Amino acid sequence: ILERIVAPTAVSLPVRRGQVLGRLELRVGARLLARVPLVAAHSQA
């Protein structure tokens, strides 16, 4: 299973808890198994 995290290396502040900042993709070969949004775990002023 290939786990791929697609997210920026830096973001502009402030960031709100729950703000979508990327996605997680799980693949077997070329087949996409799942795609889930990644969100900020906490706020950052």
ModelCIF file with pLDDT and N, C-alpha, C, O atoms, coordinates in Angstrom:
data_MODEL
#
_entry.id   MODEL 
#
_entity.id                         1 
_entity.type                       polymer 
_entity.pdbx_number_of_molecules   1 
#
_entity_poly.entity_id                      1 
_entity_poly.type                           'polypeptide(L)' 
_entity_poly.nstd_linkage                   no 
_entity_poly.nstd_monomer                   no 
_entity_poly.pdbx_seq_one_letter_code       ILERIVAPTAVSLPVRRGQVLGRLELRVGARLLARVPLVAAHSQA 
_entity_poly.pdbx_seq_one_letter_code_can   ILERIVAPTAVSLPVRRGQVLGRLELRVGARLLARVPLVAAHSQA 
_entity_poly.pdbx_strand_id                 A 
#
loop_
_entity_poly_seq.entity_id 
_entity_poly_seq.num 
_entity_poly_seq.mon_id 
_entity_poly_seq.hetero 
1 1  ILE n 
1 2  LEU n 
1 3  GLU n 
1 4  ARG n 
1 5  ILE n 
1 6  VAL n 
1 7  ALA n 
1 8  PRO n 
1 9  THR n 
1 10 ALA n 
1 11 VAL n 
1 12 SER n 
1 13 LEU n 
1 14 PRO n 
1 15 VAL n 
1 16 ARG n 
1 17 ARG n 
1 18 GLY n 
1 19 GLN n 
1 20 VAL n 
1 21 LEU n 
1 22 GLY n 
1 23 ARG n 
1 24 LEU n 
1 25 GLU n 
1 26 LEU n 
1 27 ARG n 
1 28 VAL n 
1 29 GLY n 
1 30 ALA n 
1 31 ARG n 
1 32 LEU n 
1 33 LEU n 
1 34 ALA n 
1 35 ARG n 
1 36 VAL n 
1 37 PRO n 
1 38 LEU n 
1 39 VAL n 
1 40 ALA n 
1 41 ALA n 
1 42 HIS n 
1 43 SER n 
1 44 GLN n 
1 45 ALA n 
#
_struct_asym.id          A 
_struct_asym.entity_id   1 
#
loop_
_ma_qa_metric.id 
_ma_qa_metric.mode 
_ma_qa_metric.name 
_ma_qa_metric.software_group_id 
_ma_qa_metric.type 
1 global pLDDT . pLDDT 
2 local  pLDDT . pLDDT 
#
_ma_qa_metric_global.metric_id      1 
_ma_qa_metric_global.metric_value   94.96 
_ma_qa_metric_global.model_id       1 
_ma_qa_metric_global.ordinal_id     1 
#
loop_
_ma_qa_metric_local.label_asym_id 
_ma_qa_metric_local.label_comp_id 
_ma_qa_metric_local.label_seq_id 
_ma_qa_metric_local.metric_id 
_ma_qa_metric_local.metric_value 
_ma_qa_metric_local.model_id 
_ma_qa_metric_local.ordinal_id 
A ILE 1  2 93.00 1 1  
A LEU 2  2 95.00 1 2  
A GLU 3  2 95.00 1 3  
A ARG 4  2 96.00 1 4  
A ILE 5  2 96.00 1 5  
A VAL 6  2 97.00 1 6  
A ALA 7  2 97.00 1 7  
A PRO 8  2 95.00 1 8  
A THR 9  2 91.00 1 9  
A ALA 10 2 90.00 1 10 
A VAL 11 2 92.00 1 11 
A SER 12 2 90.00 1 12 
A LEU 13 2 90.00 1 13 
A PRO 14 2 93.00 1 14 
A VAL 15 2 95.00 1 15 
A ARG 16 2 96.00 1 16 
A ARG 17 2 96.00 1 17 
A GLY 18 2 96.00 1 18 
A GLN 19 2 97.00 1 19 
A VAL 20 2 97.00 1 20 
A LEU 21 2 97.00 1 21 
A GLY 22 2 97.00 1 22 
A ARG 23 2 98.00 1 23 
A LEU 24 2 97.00 1 24 
A GLU 25 2 97.00 1 25 
A LEU 26 2 95.00 1 26 
A ARG 27 2 96.00 1 27 
A VAL 28 2 95.00 1 28 
A GLY 29 2 91.00 1 29 
A ALA 30 2 92.00 1 30 
A ARG 31 2 94.00 1 31 
A LEU 32 2 95.00 1 32 
A LEU 33 2 94.00 1 33 
A ALA 34 2 96.00 1 34 
A ARG 35 2 97.00 1 35 
A VAL 36 2 97.00 1 36 
A PRO 37 2 98.00 1 37 
A LEU 38 2 98.00 1 38 
A VAL 39 2 98.00 1 39 
A ALA 40 2 97.00 1 40 
A ALA 41 2 96.00 1 41 
A HIS 42 2 95.00 1 42 
A SER 43 2 95.00 1 43 
A GLN 44 2 91.00 1 44 
A ALA 45 2 90.00 1 45 
#
loop_
_atom_site.group_PDB 
_atom_site.id 
_atom_site.type_symbol 
_atom_site.label_atom_id 
_atom_site.label_alt_id 
_atom_site.label_comp_id 
_atom_site.label_asym_id 
_atom_site.label_entity_id 
_atom_site.label_seq_id 
_atom_site.pdbx_PDB_ins_code 
_atom_site.Cartn_x 
_atom_site.Cartn_y 
_atom_site.Cartn_z 
_atom_site.occupancy 
_atom_site.B_iso_or_equiv 
_atom_site.pdbx_formal_charge 
_atom_site.auth_seq_id 
_atom_site.auth_comp_id 
_atom_site.auth_asym_id 
_atom_site.auth_atom_id 
_atom_site.pdbx_PDB_model_num 
ATOM 1   N N  . ILE A 1 1  ? 0.858   -1.185 0.000  1.00 93.00 ? 1  ILE A N  1 
ATOM 2   C CA . ILE A 1 1  ? 0.000   0.000  0.000  1.00 93.00 ? 1  ILE A CA 1 
ATOM 3   C C  . ILE A 1 1  ? 0.892   1.232  0.000  1.00 93.00 ? 1  ILE A C  1 
ATOM 4   O O  . ILE A 1 1  ? 1.797   1.355  0.826  1.00 93.00 ? 1  ILE A O  1 
ATOM 5   N N  . LEU A 1 2  ? 0.634   2.139  -0.927 1.00 95.00 ? 2  LEU A N  1 
ATOM 6   C CA . LEU A 1 2  ? 1.380   3.393  -1.015 1.00 95.00 ? 2  LEU A CA 1 
ATOM 7   C C  . LEU A 1 2  ? 0.551   4.476  -0.329 1.00 95.00 ? 2  LEU A C  1 
ATOM 8   O O  . LEU A 1 2  ? -0.594  4.728  -0.706 1.00 95.00 ? 2  LEU A O  1 
ATOM 9   N N  . GLU A 1 3  ? 1.139   5.110  0.679  1.00 95.00 ? 3  GLU A N  1 
ATOM 10  C CA . GLU A 1 3  ? 0.498   6.205  1.389  1.00 95.00 ? 3  GLU A CA 1 
ATOM 11  C C  . GLU A 1 3  ? 1.127   7.497  0.895  1.00 95.00 ? 3  GLU A C  1 
ATOM 12  O O  . GLU A 1 3  ? 2.338   7.687  1.016  1.00 95.00 ? 3  GLU A O  1 
ATOM 13  N N  . ARG A 1 4  ? 0.308   8.391  0.336  1.00 96.00 ? 4  ARG A N  1 
ATOM 14  C CA . ARG A 1 4  ? 0.824   9.645  -0.216 1.00 96.00 ? 4  ARG A CA 1 
ATOM 15  C C  . ARG A 1 4  ? 0.131   10.806 0.482  1.00 96.00 ? 4  ARG A C  1 
ATOM 16  O O  . ARG A 1 4  ? -1.097  10.892 0.498  1.00 96.00 ? 4  ARG A O  1 
ATOM 17  N N  . ILE A 1 5  ? 0.926   11.692 1.056  1.00 96.00 ? 5  ILE A N  1 
ATOM 18  C CA . ILE A 1 5  ? 0.402   12.891 1.704  1.00 96.00 ? 5  ILE A CA 1 
ATOM 19  C C  . ILE A 1 5  ? 0.644   14.066 0.764  1.00 96.00 ? 5  ILE A C  1 
ATOM 20  O O  . ILE A 1 5  ? 1.780   14.353 0.386  1.00 96.00 ? 5  ILE A O  1 
ATOM 21  N N  . VAL A 1 6  ? -0.428  14.728 0.400  1.00 97.00 ? 6  VAL A N  1 
ATOM 22  C CA . VAL A 1 6  ? -0.348  15.890 -0.480 1.00 97.00 ? 6  VAL A CA 1 
ATOM 23  C C  . VAL A 1 6  ? -0.710  17.107 0.362  1.00 97.00 ? 6  VAL A C  1 
ATOM 24  O O  . VAL A 1 6  ? -1.876  17.318 0.698  1.00 97.00 ? 6  VAL A O  1 
ATOM 25  N N  . ALA A 1 7  ? 0.306   17.908 0.701  1.00 97.00 ? 7  ALA A N  1 
ATOM 26  C CA . ALA A 1 7  ? 0.097   19.081 1.546  1.00 97.00 ? 7  ALA A CA 1 
ATOM 27  C C  . ALA A 1 7  ? 1.228   20.070 1.306  1.00 97.00 ? 7  ALA A C  1 
ATOM 28  O O  . ALA A 1 7  ? 2.335   19.667 0.948  1.00 97.00 ? 7  ALA A O  1 
ATOM 29  N N  . PRO A 1 8  ? 0.967   21.349 1.497  1.00 95.00 ? 8  PRO A N  1 
ATOM 30  C CA . PRO A 1 8  ? 2.034   22.346 1.331  1.00 95.00 ? 8  PRO A CA 1 
ATOM 31  C C  . PRO A 1 8  ? 3.070   22.230 2.451  1.00 95.00 ? 8  PRO A C  1 
ATOM 32  O O  . PRO A 1 8  ? 2.756   21.781 3.553  1.00 95.00 ? 8  PRO A O  1 
ATOM 33  N N  . THR A 1 9  ? 4.293   22.633 2.161  1.00 91.00 ? 9  THR A N  1 
ATOM 34  C CA . THR A 1 9  ? 5.348   22.610 3.174  1.00 91.00 ? 9  THR A CA 1 
ATOM 35  C C  . THR A 1 9  ? 5.244   23.808 4.117  1.00 91.00 ? 9  THR A C  1 
ATOM 36  O O  . THR A 1 9  ? 5.806   23.789 5.212  1.00 91.00 ? 9  THR A O  1 
ATOM 37  N N  . ALA A 1 10 ? 4.530   24.842 3.694  1.00 90.00 ? 10 ALA A N  1 
ATOM 38  C CA . ALA A 1 10 ? 4.329   26.030 4.531  1.00 90.00 ? 10 ALA A CA 1 
ATOM 39  C C  . ALA A 1 10 ? 2.946   26.598 4.239  1.00 90.00 ? 10 ALA A C  1 
ATOM 40  O O  . ALA A 1 10 ? 2.455   26.510 3.114  1.00 90.00 ? 10 ALA A O  1 
ATOM 41  N N  . VAL A 1 11 ? 2.327   27.176 5.251  1.00 92.00 ? 11 VAL A N  1 
ATOM 42  C CA . VAL A 1 11 ? 1.019   27.820 5.090  1.00 92.00 ? 11 VAL A CA 1 
ATOM 43  C C  . VAL A 1 11 ? 1.050   29.190 5.753  1.00 92.00 ? 11 VAL A C  1 
ATOM 44  O O  . VAL A 1 11 ? 1.843   29.438 6.661  1.00 92.00 ? 11 VAL A O  1 
ATOM 45  N N  . SER A 1 12 ? 0.193   30.058 5.296  1.00 90.00 ? 12 SER A N  1 
ATOM 46  C CA . SER A 1 12 ? 0.076   31.387 5.895  1.00 90.00 ? 12 SER A CA 1 
ATOM 47  C C  . SER A 1 12 ? -0.732  31.297 7.182  1.00 90.00 ? 12 SER A C  1 
ATOM 48  O O  . SER A 1 12 ? -1.751  30.610 7.247  1.00 90.00 ? 12 SER A O  1 
ATOM 49  N N  . LEU A 1 13 ? -0.259  31.999 8.196  1.00 90.00 ? 13 LEU A N  1 
ATOM 50  C CA . LEU A 1 13 ? -0.974  32.039 9.467  1.00 90.00 ? 13 LEU A CA 1 
ATOM 51  C C  . LEU A 1 13 ? -1.933  33.209 9.465  1.00 90.00 ? 13 LEU A C  1 
ATOM 52  O O  . LEU A 1 13 ? -1.667  34.195 8.778  1.00 90.00 ? 13 LEU A O  1 
ATOM 53  N N  . PRO A 1 14 ? -3.013  33.157 10.180 1.00 93.00 ? 14 PRO A N  1 
ATOM 54  C CA . PRO A 1 14 ? -3.432  32.153 11.145 1.00 93.00 ? 14 PRO A CA 1 
ATOM 55  C C  . PRO A 1 14 ? -4.064  30.936 10.465 1.00 93.00 ? 14 PRO A C  1 
ATOM 56  O O  . PRO A 1 14 ? -4.551  31.015 9.338  1.00 93.00 ? 14 PRO A O  1 
ATOM 57  N N  . VAL A 1 15 ? -4.042  29.808 11.182 1.00 95.00 ? 15 VAL A N  1 
ATOM 58  C CA . VAL A 1 15 ? -4.676  28.569 10.733 1.00 95.00 ? 15 VAL A CA 1 
ATOM 59  C C  . VAL A 1 15 ? -5.721  28.197 11.775 1.00 95.00 ? 15 VAL A C  1 
ATOM 60  O O  . VAL A 1 15 ? -5.449  28.220 12.975 1.00 95.00 ? 15 VAL A O  1 
ATOM 61  N N  . ARG A 1 16 ? -6.916  27.855 11.307 1.00 96.00 ? 16 ARG A N  1 
ATOM 62  C CA . ARG A 1 16 ? -7.989  27.459 12.221 1.00 96.00 ? 16 ARG A CA 1 
ATOM 63  C C  . ARG A 1 16 ? -8.030  25.950 12.374 1.00 96.00 ? 16 ARG A C  1 
ATOM 64  O O  . ARG A 1 16 ? -7.766  25.222 11.417 1.00 96.00 ? 16 ARG A O  1 
ATOM 65  N N  . ARG A 1 17 ? -8.357  25.473 13.563 1.00 96.00 ? 17 ARG A N  1 
ATOM 66  C CA . ARG A 1 17 ? -8.531  24.038 13.787 1.00 96.00 ? 17 ARG A CA 1 
ATOM 67  C C  . ARG A 1 17 ? -9.623  23.536 12.843 1.00 96.00 ? 17 ARG A C  1 
ATOM 68  O O  . ARG A 1 17 ? -10.701 24.124 12.755 1.00 96.00 ? 17 ARG A O  1 
ATOM 69  N N  . GLY A 1 18 ? -9.328  22.434 12.135 1.00 96.00 ? 18 GLY A N  1 
ATOM 70  C CA . GLY A 1 18 ? -10.286 21.870 11.188 1.00 96.00 ? 18 GLY A CA 1 
ATOM 71  C C  . GLY A 1 18 ? -10.153 22.421 9.782  1.00 96.00 ? 18 GLY A C  1 
ATOM 72  O O  . GLY A 1 18 ? -10.861 21.974 8.880  1.00 96.00 ? 18 GLY A O  1 
ATOM 73  N N  . GLN A 1 19 ? -9.270  23.376 9.575  1.00 97.00 ? 19 GLN A N  1 
ATOM 74  C CA . GLN A 1 19 ? -9.063  23.946 8.246  1.00 97.00 ? 19 GLN A CA 1 
ATOM 75  C C  . GLN A 1 19 ? -8.390  22.908 7.355  1.00 97.00 ? 19 GLN A C  1 
ATOM 76  O O  . GLN A 1 19 ? -7.382  22.319 7.743  1.00 97.00 ? 19 GLN A O  1 
ATOM 77  N N  . VAL A 1 20 ? -8.941  22.681 6.161  1.00 97.00 ? 20 VAL A N  1 
ATOM 78  C CA . VAL A 1 20 ? -8.382  21.693 5.233  1.00 97.00 ? 20 VAL A CA 1 
ATOM 79  C C  . VAL A 1 20 ? -7.070  22.228 4.675  1.00 97.00 ? 20 VAL A C  1 
ATOM 80  O O  . VAL A 1 20 ? -7.022  23.319 4.107  1.00 97.00 ? 20 VAL A O  1 
ATOM 81  N N  . LEU A 1 21 ? -5.991  21.433 4.845  1.00 97.00 ? 21 LEU A N  1 
ATOM 82  C CA . LEU A 1 21 ? -4.668  21.853 4.387  1.00 97.00 ? 21 LEU A CA 1 
ATOM 83  C C  . LEU A 1 21 ? -4.028  20.849 3.429  1.00 97.00 ? 21 LEU A C  1 
ATOM 84  O O  . LEU A 1 21 ? -2.925  21.090 2.940  1.00 97.00 ? 21 LEU A O  1 
ATOM 85  N N  . GLY A 1 22 ? -4.688  19.748 3.157  1.00 97.00 ? 22 GLY A N  1 
ATOM 86  C CA . GLY A 1 22 ? -4.107  18.756 2.249  1.00 97.00 ? 22 GLY A CA 1 
ATOM 87  C C  . GLY A 1 22 ? -5.002  17.541 2.149  1.00 97.00 ? 22 GLY A C  1 
ATOM 88  O O  . GLY A 1 22 ? -6.184  17.589 2.488  1.00 97.00 ? 22 GLY A O  1 
ATOM 89  N N  . ARG A 1 23 ? -4.411  16.434 1.672  1.00 98.00 ? 23 ARG A N  1 
ATOM 90  C CA . ARG A 1 23 ? -5.169  15.189 1.571  1.00 98.00 ? 23 ARG A CA 1 
ATOM 91  C C  . ARG A 1 23 ? -4.233  13.997 1.704  1.00 98.00 ? 23 ARG A C  1 
ATOM 92  O O  . ARG A 1 23 ? -3.032  14.097 1.451  1.00 98.00 ? 23 ARG A O  1 
ATOM 93  N N  . LEU A 1 24 ? -4.805  12.873 2.104  1.00 97.00 ? 24 LEU A N  1 
ATOM 94  C CA . LEU A 1 24 ? -4.102  11.604 2.214  1.00 97.00 ? 24 LEU A CA 1 
ATOM 95  C C  . LEU A 1 24 ? -4.669  10.679 1.154  1.00 97.00 ? 24 LEU A C  1 
ATOM 96  O O  . LEU A 1 24 ? -5.886  10.519 1.054  1.00 97.00 ? 24 LEU A O  1 
ATOM 97  N N  . GLU A 1 25 ? -3.790  10.065 0.357  1.00 97.00 ? 25 GLU A N  1 
ATOM 98  C CA . GLU A 1 25 ? -4.213  9.121  -0.668 1.00 97.00 ? 25 GLU A CA 1 
ATOM 99  C C  . GLU A 1 25 ? -3.588  7.768  -0.377 1.00 97.00 ? 25 GLU A C  1 
ATOM 100 O O  . GLU A 1 25 ? -2.395  7.680  -0.088 1.00 97.00 ? 25 GLU A O  1 
ATOM 101 N N  . LEU A 1 26 ? -4.382  6.725  -0.451 1.00 95.00 ? 26 LEU A N  1 
ATOM 102 C CA . LEU A 1 26 ? -3.900  5.356  -0.314 1.00 95.00 ? 26 LEU A CA 1 
ATOM 103 C C  . LEU A 1 26 ? -4.094  4.652  -1.646 1.00 95.00 ? 26 LEU A C  1 
ATOM 104 O O  . LEU A 1 26 ? -5.179  4.688  -2.226 1.00 95.00 ? 26 LEU A O  1 
ATOM 105 N N  . ARG A 1 27 ? -3.026  4.006  -2.130 1.00 96.00 ? 27 ARG A N  1 
ATOM 106 C CA . ARG A 1 27 ? -3.065  3.341  -3.429 1.00 96.00 ? 27 ARG A CA 1 
ATOM 107 C C  . ARG A 1 27 ? -2.470  1.949  -3.343 1.00 96.00 ? 27 ARG A C  1 
ATOM 108 O O  . ARG A 1 27 ? -1.571  1.689  -2.543 1.00 96.00 ? 27 ARG A O  1 
ATOM 109 N N  . VAL A 1 28 ? -2.987  1.057  -4.182 1.00 95.00 ? 28 VAL A N  1 
ATOM 110 C CA . VAL A 1 28 ? -2.378  -0.243 -4.441 1.00 95.00 ? 28 VAL A CA 1 
ATOM 111 C C  . VAL A 1 28 ? -2.092  -0.231 -5.935 1.00 95.00 ? 28 VAL A C  1 
ATOM 112 O O  . VAL A 1 28 ? -3.007  -0.302 -6.755 1.00 95.00 ? 28 VAL A O  1 
ATOM 113 N N  . GLY A 1 29 ? -0.804  -0.139 -6.280 1.00 91.00 ? 29 GLY A N  1 
ATOM 114 C CA . GLY A 1 29 ? -0.443  0.042  -7.683 1.00 91.00 ? 29 GLY A CA 1 
ATOM 115 C C  . GLY A 1 29 ? -0.993  1.374  -8.159 1.00 91.00 ? 29 GLY A C  1 
ATOM 116 O O  . GLY A 1 29 ? -0.809  2.400  -7.504 1.00 91.00 ? 29 GLY A O  1 
ATOM 117 N N  . ALA A 1 30 ? -1.674  1.357  -9.307 1.00 92.00 ? 30 ALA A N  1 
ATOM 118 C CA . ALA A 1 30 ? -2.265  2.580  -9.848 1.00 92.00 ? 30 ALA A CA 1 
ATOM 119 C C  . ALA A 1 30 ? -3.677  2.812  -9.315 1.00 92.00 ? 30 ALA A C  1 
ATOM 120 O O  . ALA A 1 30 ? -4.257  3.871  -9.556 1.00 92.00 ? 30 ALA A O  1 
ATOM 121 N N  . ARG A 1 31 ? -4.235  1.846  -8.597 1.00 94.00 ? 31 ARG A N  1 
ATOM 122 C CA . ARG A 1 31 ? -5.618  1.939  -8.123 1.00 94.00 ? 31 ARG A CA 1 
ATOM 123 C C  . ARG A 1 31 ? -5.705  2.758  -6.837 1.00 94.00 ? 31 ARG A C  1 
ATOM 124 O O  . ARG A 1 31 ? -5.016  2.474  -5.857 1.00 94.00 ? 31 ARG A O  1 
ATOM 125 N N  . LEU A 1 32 ? -6.548  3.760  -6.857 1.00 95.00 ? 32 LEU A N  1 
ATOM 126 C CA . LEU A 1 32 ? -6.777  4.600  -5.683 1.00 95.00 ? 32 LEU A CA 1 
ATOM 127 C C  . LEU A 1 32 ? -7.759  3.899  -4.758 1.00 95.00 ? 32 LEU A C  1 
ATOM 128 O O  . LEU A 1 32 ? -8.891  3.614  -5.147 1.00 95.00 ? 32 LEU A O  1 
ATOM 129 N N  . LEU A 1 33 ? -7.322  3.619  -3.528 1.00 94.00 ? 33 LEU A N  1 
ATOM 130 C CA . LEU A 1 33 ? -8.186  2.974  -2.532 1.00 94.00 ? 33 LEU A CA 1 
ATOM 131 C C  . LEU A 1 33 ? -9.020  3.984  -1.762 1.00 94.00 ? 33 LEU A C  1 
ATOM 132 O O  . LEU A 1 33 ? -10.208 3.770  -1.520 1.00 94.00 ? 33 LEU A O  1 
ATOM 133 N N  . ALA A 1 34 ? -8.393  5.080  -1.381 1.00 96.00 ? 34 ALA A N  1 
ATOM 134 C CA . ALA A 1 34 ? -9.096  6.081  -0.579 1.00 96.00 ? 34 ALA A CA 1 
ATOM 135 C C  . ALA A 1 34 ? -8.397  7.426  -0.693 1.00 96.00 ? 34 ALA A C  1 
ATOM 136 O O  . ALA A 1 34 ? -7.190  7.516  -0.914 1.00 96.00 ? 34 ALA A O  1 
ATOM 137 N N  . ARG A 1 35 ? -9.199  8.459  -0.534 1.00 97.00 ? 35 ARG A N  1 
ATOM 138 C CA . ARG A 1 35 ? -8.679  9.837  -0.486 1.00 97.00 ? 35 ARG A CA 1 
ATOM 139 C C  . ARG A 1 35 ? -9.434  10.535 0.639  1.00 97.00 ? 35 ARG A C  1 
ATOM 140 O O  . ARG A 1 35 ? -10.663 10.594 0.636  1.00 97.00 ? 35 ARG A O  1 
ATOM 141 N N  . VAL A 1 36 ? -8.675  11.063 1.606  1.00 97.00 ? 36 VAL A N  1 
ATOM 142 C CA . VAL A 1 36 ? -9.272  11.684 2.783  1.00 97.00 ? 36 VAL A CA 1 
ATOM 143 C C  . VAL A 1 36 ? -8.641  13.061 2.993  1.00 97.00 ? 36 VAL A C  1 
ATOM 144 O O  . VAL A 1 36 ? -7.420  13.194 2.905  1.00 97.00 ? 36 VAL A O  1 
ATOM 145 N N  . PRO A 1 37 ? -9.447  14.084 3.270  1.00 98.00 ? 37 PRO A N  1 
ATOM 146 C CA . PRO A 1 37 ? -8.879  15.405 3.568  1.00 98.00 ? 37 PRO A CA 1 
ATOM 147 C C  . PRO A 1 37 ? -8.053  15.380 4.853  1.00 98.00 ? 37 PRO A C  1 
ATOM 148 O O  . PRO A 1 37 ? -8.377  14.662 5.798  1.00 98.00 ? 37 PRO A O  1 
ATOM 149 N N  . LEU A 1 38 ? -6.990  16.170 4.873  1.00 98.00 ? 38 LEU A N  1 
ATOM 150 C CA . LEU A 1 38 ? -6.180  16.386 6.072  1.00 98.00 ? 38 LEU A CA 1 
ATOM 151 C C  . LEU A 1 38 ? -6.462  17.791 6.576  1.00 98.00 ? 38 LEU A C  1 
ATOM 152 O O  . LEU A 1 38 ? -6.438  18.756 5.813  1.00 98.00 ? 38 LEU A O  1 
ATOM 153 N N  . VAL A 1 39 ? -6.729  17.893 7.876  1.00 98.00 ? 39 VAL A N  1 
ATOM 154 C CA . VAL A 1 39 ? -7.081  19.183 8.468  1.00 98.00 ? 39 VAL A CA 1 
ATOM 155 C C  . VAL A 1 39 ? -6.116  19.525 9.592  1.00 98.00 ? 39 VAL A C  1 
ATOM 156 O O  . VAL A 1 39 ? -5.426  18.652 10.120 1.00 98.00 ? 39 VAL A O  1 
ATOM 157 N N  . ALA A 1 40 ? -6.072  20.796 9.952  1.00 97.00 ? 40 ALA A N  1 
ATOM 158 C CA . ALA A 1 40 ? -5.229  21.251 11.064 1.00 97.00 ? 40 ALA A CA 1 
ATOM 159 C C  . ALA A 1 40 ? -5.757  20.668 12.364 1.00 97.00 ? 40 ALA A C  1 
ATOM 160 O O  . ALA A 1 40 ? -6.952  20.748 12.650 1.00 97.00 ? 40 ALA A O  1 
ATOM 161 N N  . ALA A 1 41 ? -4.859  20.081 13.152 1.00 96.00 ? 41 ALA A N  1 
ATOM 162 C CA . ALA A 1 41 ? -5.243  19.469 14.423 1.00 96.00 ? 41 ALA A CA 1 
ATOM 163 C C  . ALA A 1 41 ? -5.541  20.522 15.487 1.00 96.00 ? 41 ALA A C  1 
ATOM 164 O O  . ALA A 1 41 ? -6.305  20.264 16.418 1.00 96.00 ? 41 ALA A O  1 
ATOM 165 N N  . HIS A 1 42 ? -4.947  21.699 15.357 1.00 95.00 ? 42 HIS A N  1 
ATOM 166 C CA . HIS A 1 42 ? -5.178  22.768 16.322 1.00 95.00 ? 42 HIS A CA 1 
ATOM 167 C C  . HIS A 1 42 ? -5.013  24.109 15.622 1.00 95.00 ? 42 HIS A C  1 
ATOM 168 O O  . HIS A 1 42 ? -4.442  24.178 14.534 1.00 95.00 ? 42 HIS A O  1 
ATOM 169 N N  . SER A 1 43 ? -5.500  25.150 16.229 1.00 95.00 ? 43 SER A N  1 
ATOM 170 C CA . SER A 1 43 ? -5.370  26.498 15.675 1.00 95.00 ? 43 SER A CA 1 
ATOM 171 C C  . SER A 1 43 ? -3.974  27.035 15.953 1.00 95.00 ? 43 SER A C  1 
ATOM 172 O O  . SER A 1 43 ? -3.346  26.688 16.954 1.00 95.00 ? 43 SER A O  1 
ATOM 173 N N  . GLN A 1 44 ? -3.506  27.876 15.061 1.00 91.00 ? 44 GLN A N  1 
ATOM 174 C CA . GLN A 1 44 ? -2.203  28.512 15.240 1.00 91.00 ? 44 GLN A CA 1 
ATOM 175 C C  . GLN A 1 44 ? -2.339  29.973 14.826 1.00 91.00 ? 44 GLN A C  1 
ATOM 176 O O  . GLN A 1 44 ? -2.581  30.283 13.659 1.00 91.00 ? 44 GLN A O  1 
ATOM 177 N N  . ALA A 1 45 ? -2.180  30.856 15.794 1.00 90.00 ? 45 ALA A N  1 
ATOM 178 C CA . ALA A 1 45 ? -2.285  32.285 15.527 1.00 90.00 ? 45 ALA A CA 1 
ATOM 179 C C  . ALA A 1 45 ? -0.995  32.792 14.888 1.00 90.00 ? 45 ALA A C  1 
ATOM 180 O O  . ALA A 1 45 ? -0.882  33.980 14.584 1.00 90.00 ? 45 ALA A O  1 
#
